[in-house]
Amino acid sequence: MEKIDLDYLRMWIGKSRRDEDVISCRHARLLAATLDYPAPEKIIAGEILPPLWHWTFFLEGVPTQELGNDGHPARGGFMPPVALPNRMWAGGRVSFLSPVCIGATVHKQSSILSVDHKVGKSGDLVFVTVLHELMSAQGDLLIREEQDLVYKGSAPHGQQSTSAPAAAISSQFTRKYTPTSTTLFRYSALTFNGHRIHYDVDYCREREGYQNLVIHGPLNATMLAGYAEEISGCRLSSFSYRGLSPALLGNSITIHADILDGCITLNAVLDDGAICMRAEAFTEQGSRLRPNE
């Protein structure tokens, strides 16, 4: 394995790019169908986009010959050229500063905030944090987001690490959902995500060590954020999340949530009791979910 040249990778810190997109009502409706969103009639022009649905916009499409073997764009453009073969979305922090409305034109500024190297049980890990800022056509900041990506080495066939089952969780609110292969296909299509761990089971097992297709971390985070908003009845002001272990196809995922003084703690729990994602959300005090309520 090639040695990690951290000084070289840190030359990407500060690299930035801009983008623009229309928050299409049609695209949002397709996501609503994929998530079995409980209020599809609210997905109309002028309504507020539900939390984290902005991840299905500003899609990057590079030609097939510019993709790496894993289905991601080849490294060395905007993202630093980390030599480690496997890349995962590890977590992040999102501040919802002003509503993103369906039908609006929104601008996006992205930049590399940090690049760090650690050594874990499985070997080298490189963490890259990317800042995304979404702005209105008038220049108002709508969303400020930091995404943490982790690069790591390959695991032997079927030997990706998983968390030990946790003790039974007691919570105020629970909801179970069961992603299917169709769910993964639709979400990959809506996010134009070519990462093969979500649709190519042979690649999963032989190249990245997973026993089955991997449920998207952003999909789980979106479900957690949506549930937080639903049970609180208020719009979210911030949401932070961290992936703890892979969630594989074949699992049901139970969301456990508790509310205390405007803070919502959430755990996404697999069938064996392992927590695959943990999150924390805060609501806008006194702000109802819909402005006309």
Protein backbone atom coordinates (compact mmCIF):
# COMPACT_ATOMS: atom_id res chain seq x y z
CA MET A 1 0.00 0.00 0.00
CA GLU A 2 1.29 3.43 -0.92
CA LYS A 3 2.39 5.60 2.03
CA ILE A 4 0.00 8.41 3.00
CA ASP A 5 1.59 11.74 2.03
CA LEU A 6 -0.47 13.99 4.29
CA ASP A 7 1.40 17.17 3.38
CA TYR A 8 0.58 16.60 -0.28
CA LEU A 9 -3.08 15.81 0.41
CA ARG A 10 -3.42 18.94 2.52
CA MET A 11 -2.57 21.01 -0.55
CA TRP A 12 -6.27 20.49 -1.41
CA ILE A 13 -7.42 22.41 1.69
CA GLY A 14 -9.15 25.57 0.53
CA LYS A 15 -9.89 24.21 -2.95
CA SER A 16 -13.43 25.26 -3.87
CA ARG A 17 -16.07 25.08 -6.54
CA ARG A 18 -19.47 26.62 -7.22
CA ASP A 19 -22.71 25.16 -8.56
CA GLU A 20 -26.31 26.17 -9.18
CA ASP A 21 -29.52 24.16 -9.38
CA VAL A 22 -33.29 24.52 -9.45
CA ILE A 23 -35.02 22.66 -6.60
CA SER A 24 -37.22 20.75 -9.01
CA CYS A 25 -40.67 19.76 -7.82
CA ARG A 26 -40.60 16.63 -10.01
CA HIS A 27 -37.29 15.45 -8.52
CA ALA A 28 -38.57 16.09 -5.00
CA ARG A 29 -41.73 14.09 -5.74
CA LEU A 30 -39.62 11.15 -6.90
CA LEU A 31 -37.71 11.26 -3.60
CA ALA A 32 -41.02 11.45 -1.71
CA ALA A 33 -42.13 8.24 -3.45
CA THR A 34 -38.80 6.56 -2.64
CA LEU A 35 -39.05 7.46 1.06
CA ASP A 36 -42.81 6.81 1.35
CA TYR A 37 -43.05 10.40 2.52
CA PRO A 38 -46.25 10.74 4.60
CA ALA A 39 -47.40 14.05 3.08
CA PRO A 40 -46.75 13.92 -0.69
CA GLU A 41 -49.38 16.60 -1.25
CA LYS A 42 -46.98 19.07 0.42
CA ILE A 43 -44.35 18.55 -2.30
CA ILE A 44 -45.38 21.50 -4.45
CA ALA A 45 -43.73 24.71 -5.63
CA GLY A 46 -43.29 27.22 -2.82
CA GLU A 47 -43.32 24.65 0.00
CA ILE A 48 -40.26 24.12 2.18
CA LEU A 49 -37.99 21.27 1.13
CA PRO A 50 -37.83 18.63 3.92
CA PRO A 51 -34.53 18.33 5.80
CA LEU A 52 -31.56 16.82 3.91
CA TRP A 53 -33.50 16.48 0.66
CA HIS A 54 -31.04 19.00 -0.82
CA TRP A 55 -28.64 16.04 -1.14
CA THR A 56 -30.55 14.92 -4.23
CA PHE A 57 -29.73 18.18 -6.04
CA PHE A 58 -26.47 19.68 -7.36
CA LEU A 59 -25.61 16.32 -8.87
CA GLU A 60 -22.18 15.73 -10.34
CA GLY A 61 -22.11 13.79 -13.60
CA VAL A 62 -18.74 12.90 -15.04
CA PRO A 63 -18.22 10.70 -18.14
CA THR A 64 -17.95 6.98 -17.51
CA GLN A 65 -14.25 6.92 -18.42
CA GLU A 66 -13.59 9.38 -15.58
CA LEU A 67 -15.00 7.07 -12.91
CA GLY A 68 -12.86 4.97 -10.59
CA ASN A 69 -13.33 1.23 -10.14
CA ASP A 70 -15.64 1.85 -7.18
CA GLY A 71 -18.03 3.95 -9.30
CA HIS A 72 -17.03 7.29 -7.74
CA PRO A 73 -15.44 10.03 -9.84
CA ALA A 74 -11.69 9.46 -10.10
CA ARG A 75 -9.77 11.34 -7.41
CA GLY A 76 -7.51 14.30 -7.84
CA GLY A 77 -9.99 16.90 -9.07
CA PHE A 78 -11.95 18.68 -6.36
CA MET A 79 -11.36 15.87 -3.84
CA PRO A 80 -7.77 15.06 -2.78
CA PRO A 81 -6.24 11.94 -4.44
CA VAL A 82 -6.25 9.68 -1.37
CA ALA A 83 -4.65 6.36 -2.36
CA LEU A 84 -6.82 4.22 -0.05
CA PRO A 85 -9.39 2.28 -2.11
CA ASN A 86 -12.59 2.50 -0.07
CA ARG A 87 -14.53 5.72 0.54
CA MET A 88 -17.50 6.20 2.87
CA TRP A 89 -19.66 9.11 4.02
CA ALA A 90 -18.93 9.04 7.78
CA GLY A 91 -21.10 11.83 9.17
CA GLY A 92 -21.64 15.54 9.27
CA ARG A 93 -23.21 18.64 10.75
CA VAL A 94 -25.96 20.69 9.09
CA SER A 95 -27.33 24.12 10.07
CA PHE A 96 -30.70 25.04 8.53
CA LEU A 97 -30.55 28.85 8.54
CA SER A 98 -33.41 29.71 6.16
CA PRO A 99 -35.91 27.55 4.29
CA VAL A 100 -35.00 26.05 0.91
CA CYS A 101 -38.19 26.27 -1.13
CA ILE A 102 -39.26 23.90 -3.86
CA GLY A 103 -39.01 25.62 -7.24
CA ALA A 104 -36.29 28.06 -6.17
CA THR A 105 -32.91 28.53 -7.84
CA VAL A 106 -30.18 27.86 -5.28
CA HIS A 107 -26.42 28.40 -5.44
CA LYS A 108 -23.86 26.13 -3.78
CA GLN A 109 -20.30 26.86 -2.71
CA SER A 110 -18.14 23.88 -1.68
CA SER A 111 -14.62 23.87 -0.24
CA ILE A 112 -12.19 21.44 1.40
CA LEU A 113 -11.92 22.29 5.11
CA SER A 114 -9.50 19.68 6.44
CA VAL A 115 -7.57 16.50 5.65
CA ASP A 116 -6.41 14.29 8.53
CA HIS A 117 -4.70 10.90 8.84
CA LYS A 118 -5.32 8.36 11.60
CA VAL A 119 -4.45 4.70 12.12
CA GLY A 120 -7.30 2.46 13.23
CA LYS A 121 -7.70 -1.25 13.88
CA SER A 122 -7.99 -1.88 10.16
CA GLY A 123 -5.03 0.33 9.21
CA ASP A 124 -4.74 3.78 7.66
CA LEU A 125 -7.72 6.12 7.66
CA VAL A 126 -7.88 9.50 5.94
CA PHE A 127 -10.68 11.89 6.92
CA VAL A 128 -11.66 14.72 4.56
CA THR A 129 -14.15 17.36 5.72
CA VAL A 130 -15.97 19.34 3.03
CA LEU A 131 -17.93 22.55 3.66
CA HIS A 132 -21.07 23.15 1.59
CA GLU A 133 -22.97 26.44 1.72
CA LEU A 134 -26.33 26.84 -0.04
CA MET A 135 -27.42 30.37 -0.88
CA SER A 136 -30.50 31.96 -2.37
CA ALA A 137 -30.39 33.87 -5.65
CA GLN A 138 -30.21 37.01 -3.48
CA GLY A 139 -27.13 35.72 -1.64
CA ASP A 140 -28.80 34.76 1.65
CA LEU A 141 -27.21 31.74 3.36
CA LEU A 142 -29.79 28.94 3.58
CA ILE A 143 -27.80 25.88 4.71
CA ARG A 144 -24.30 25.50 6.09
CA GLU A 145 -23.06 21.93 6.12
CA GLU A 146 -19.87 20.05 6.94
CA GLN A 147 -19.54 16.52 5.53
CA ASP A 148 -16.98 14.04 6.84
CA LEU A 149 -15.69 11.48 4.33
CA VAL A 150 -13.40 8.63 5.34
CA TYR A 151 -11.02 6.67 3.11
CA LYS A 152 -9.75 3.28 4.23
CA GLY A 153 -8.11 0.12 2.97
CA SER A 154 -9.88 -2.94 1.59
CA ALA A 155 -11.16 -5.61 3.97
CA PRO A 156 -10.89 -9.35 3.23
CA HIS A 157 -13.92 -11.06 1.71
CA GLY A 158 -16.87 -10.76 4.09
CA GLN A 159 -14.79 -9.25 6.89
CA GLN A 160 -15.88 -5.62 7.11
CA SER A 161 -16.03 -4.64 10.78
CA THR A 162 -19.40 -4.24 12.47
CA SER A 163 -20.40 -2.94 15.88
CA ALA A 164 -21.23 -5.32 18.68
CA PRO A 165 -24.94 -5.57 19.44
CA ALA A 166 -26.03 -2.91 21.91
CA ALA A 167 -28.28 -3.28 24.90
CA ALA A 168 -31.98 -2.86 24.29
CA ILE A 169 -32.91 0.81 23.82
CA SER A 170 -35.94 2.37 25.48
CA SER A 171 -37.23 5.55 23.86
CA GLN A 172 -40.23 7.85 23.64
CA PHE A 173 -40.76 7.34 19.90
CA THR A 174 -39.96 4.49 17.52
CA ARG A 175 -40.46 3.76 13.85
CA LYS A 176 -39.27 0.85 11.74
CA TYR A 177 -38.51 0.89 8.03
CA THR A 178 -37.06 -1.77 5.78
CA PRO A 179 -35.06 -0.65 2.74
CA THR A 180 -35.23 -3.00 -0.23
CA SER A 181 -32.98 -3.39 -3.26
CA THR A 182 -35.49 -1.18 -5.10
CA THR A 183 -35.09 1.50 -2.41
CA LEU A 184 -31.31 1.43 -2.87
CA PHE A 185 -31.62 1.56 -6.66
CA ARG A 186 -34.01 4.51 -6.55
CA TYR A 187 -31.94 6.47 -4.04
CA SER A 188 -28.74 5.85 -6.02
CA ALA A 189 -30.51 7.03 -9.16
CA LEU A 190 -31.94 10.15 -7.51
CA THR A 191 -28.52 11.14 -6.13
CA PHE A 192 -26.65 9.97 -9.27
CA ASN A 193 -24.49 7.90 -6.92
CA GLY A 194 -22.45 5.34 -8.84
CA HIS A 195 -20.81 3.77 -5.77
CA ARG A 196 -21.02 0.05 -6.47
CA ILE A 197 -21.52 -1.00 -2.84
CA HIS A 198 -25.17 0.00 -3.23
CA TYR A 199 -26.06 -2.14 -6.27
CA ASP A 200 -23.25 -4.59 -7.17
CA VAL A 201 -23.29 -7.40 -4.62
CA ASP A 202 -20.31 -9.22 -6.14
CA TYR A 203 -18.22 -6.05 -5.87
CA CYS A 204 -19.43 -5.60 -2.27
CA ARG A 205 -18.27 -9.05 -1.23
CA GLU A 206 -15.13 -9.45 -3.30
CA ARG A 207 -13.64 -5.94 -3.25
CA GLU A 208 -14.94 -4.17 -0.13
CA GLY A 209 -15.66 -7.08 2.21
CA TYR A 210 -19.37 -6.52 2.84
CA GLN A 211 -21.68 -9.52 2.96
CA ASN A 212 -24.50 -7.73 1.16
CA LEU A 213 -25.39 -4.41 -0.46
CA VAL A 214 -24.83 -1.39 1.77
CA ILE A 215 -27.75 0.90 2.66
CA HIS A 216 -26.75 4.50 1.95
CA GLY A 217 -25.65 6.45 5.01
CA PRO A 218 -27.28 9.63 3.63
CA LEU A 219 -30.54 7.70 3.18
CA ASN A 220 -30.52 6.71 6.85
CA ALA A 221 -29.62 10.26 7.89
CA THR A 222 -32.52 11.60 5.81
CA MET A 223 -34.92 9.21 7.50
CA LEU A 224 -33.65 10.27 10.94
CA ALA A 225 -33.93 13.99 10.18
CA GLY A 226 -37.42 13.59 8.73
CA TYR A 227 -38.57 11.64 11.79
CA ALA A 228 -37.11 14.29 14.11
CA GLU A 229 -39.08 16.98 12.32
CA GLU A 230 -42.25 14.88 12.29
CA ILE A 231 -42.33 14.02 16.00
CA SER A 232 -41.36 17.53 17.11
CA GLY A 233 -43.82 19.31 14.81
CA CYS A 234 -41.18 22.01 14.27
CA ARG A 235 -38.64 22.79 11.59
CA LEU A 236 -35.10 21.75 12.40
CA SER A 237 -32.43 24.36 13.06
CA SER A 238 -29.53 21.88 13.11
CA PHE A 239 -28.81 18.21 12.62
CA SER A 240 -25.62 16.24 13.30
CA TYR A 241 -25.10 12.56 12.53
CA ARG A 242 -22.42 9.90 12.64
CA GLY A 243 -22.30 6.47 11.05
CA LEU A 244 -21.24 3.82 13.57
CA SER A 245 -21.47 0.61 11.56
CA PRO A 246 -22.57 -0.47 8.07
CA ALA A 247 -26.27 -1.12 7.52
CA LEU A 248 -26.66 -3.98 5.05
CA LEU A 249 -29.58 -4.94 2.86
CA GLY A 250 -31.84 -7.45 4.61
CA ASN A 251 -31.98 -5.44 7.84
CA SER A 252 -34.94 -3.54 9.15
CA ILE A 253 -33.91 -0.28 10.77
CA THR A 254 -35.70 0.94 13.87
CA ILE A 255 -35.45 4.63 14.70
CA HIS A 256 -35.44 5.36 18.43
CA ALA A 257 -35.98 9.00 19.36
CA ASP A 258 -36.28 11.09 22.51
CA ILE A 259 -37.12 14.79 22.90
CA LEU A 260 -35.90 16.97 25.74
CA ASP A 261 -35.97 20.79 25.76
CA GLY A 262 -35.90 21.14 21.98
CA CYS A 263 -33.13 18.56 21.53
CA ILE A 264 -33.97 15.31 19.76
CA THR A 265 -31.60 12.36 20.11
CA LEU A 266 -31.94 9.58 17.57
CA ASN A 267 -30.50 6.10 17.06
CA ALA A 268 -30.91 3.92 13.98
CA VAL A 269 -30.82 0.32 15.22
CA LEU A 270 -30.33 -2.84 13.15
CA ASP A 271 -32.11 -6.16 13.71
CA ASP A 272 -29.28 -7.49 15.91
CA GLY A 273 -29.39 -4.41 18.15
CA ALA A 274 -26.31 -2.70 16.70
CA ILE A 275 -26.58 1.05 16.23
CA CYS A 276 -25.69 1.93 12.65
CA MET A 277 -26.18 5.70 13.00
CA ARG A 278 -26.55 8.16 15.84
CA ALA A 279 -27.89 11.70 15.42
CA GLU A 280 -28.91 14.80 17.30
CA ALA A 281 -31.33 17.46 16.12
CA PHE A 282 -32.41 20.84 17.43
CA THR A 283 -35.63 22.60 16.48
CA GLU A 284 -36.47 26.22 15.85
CA GLN A 285 -38.09 27.22 19.12
CA GLY A 286 -41.66 28.29 18.48
CA SER A 287 -41.42 27.53 14.75
CA ARG A 288 -44.16 25.24 13.55
CA LEU A 289 -43.49 22.71 10.83
CA ARG A 290 -45.51 24.61 8.24
CA PRO A 291 -45.70 28.41 8.17
CA ASN A 292 -49.46 28.43 7.59
CA GLU A 293 -50.30 26.28 10.60
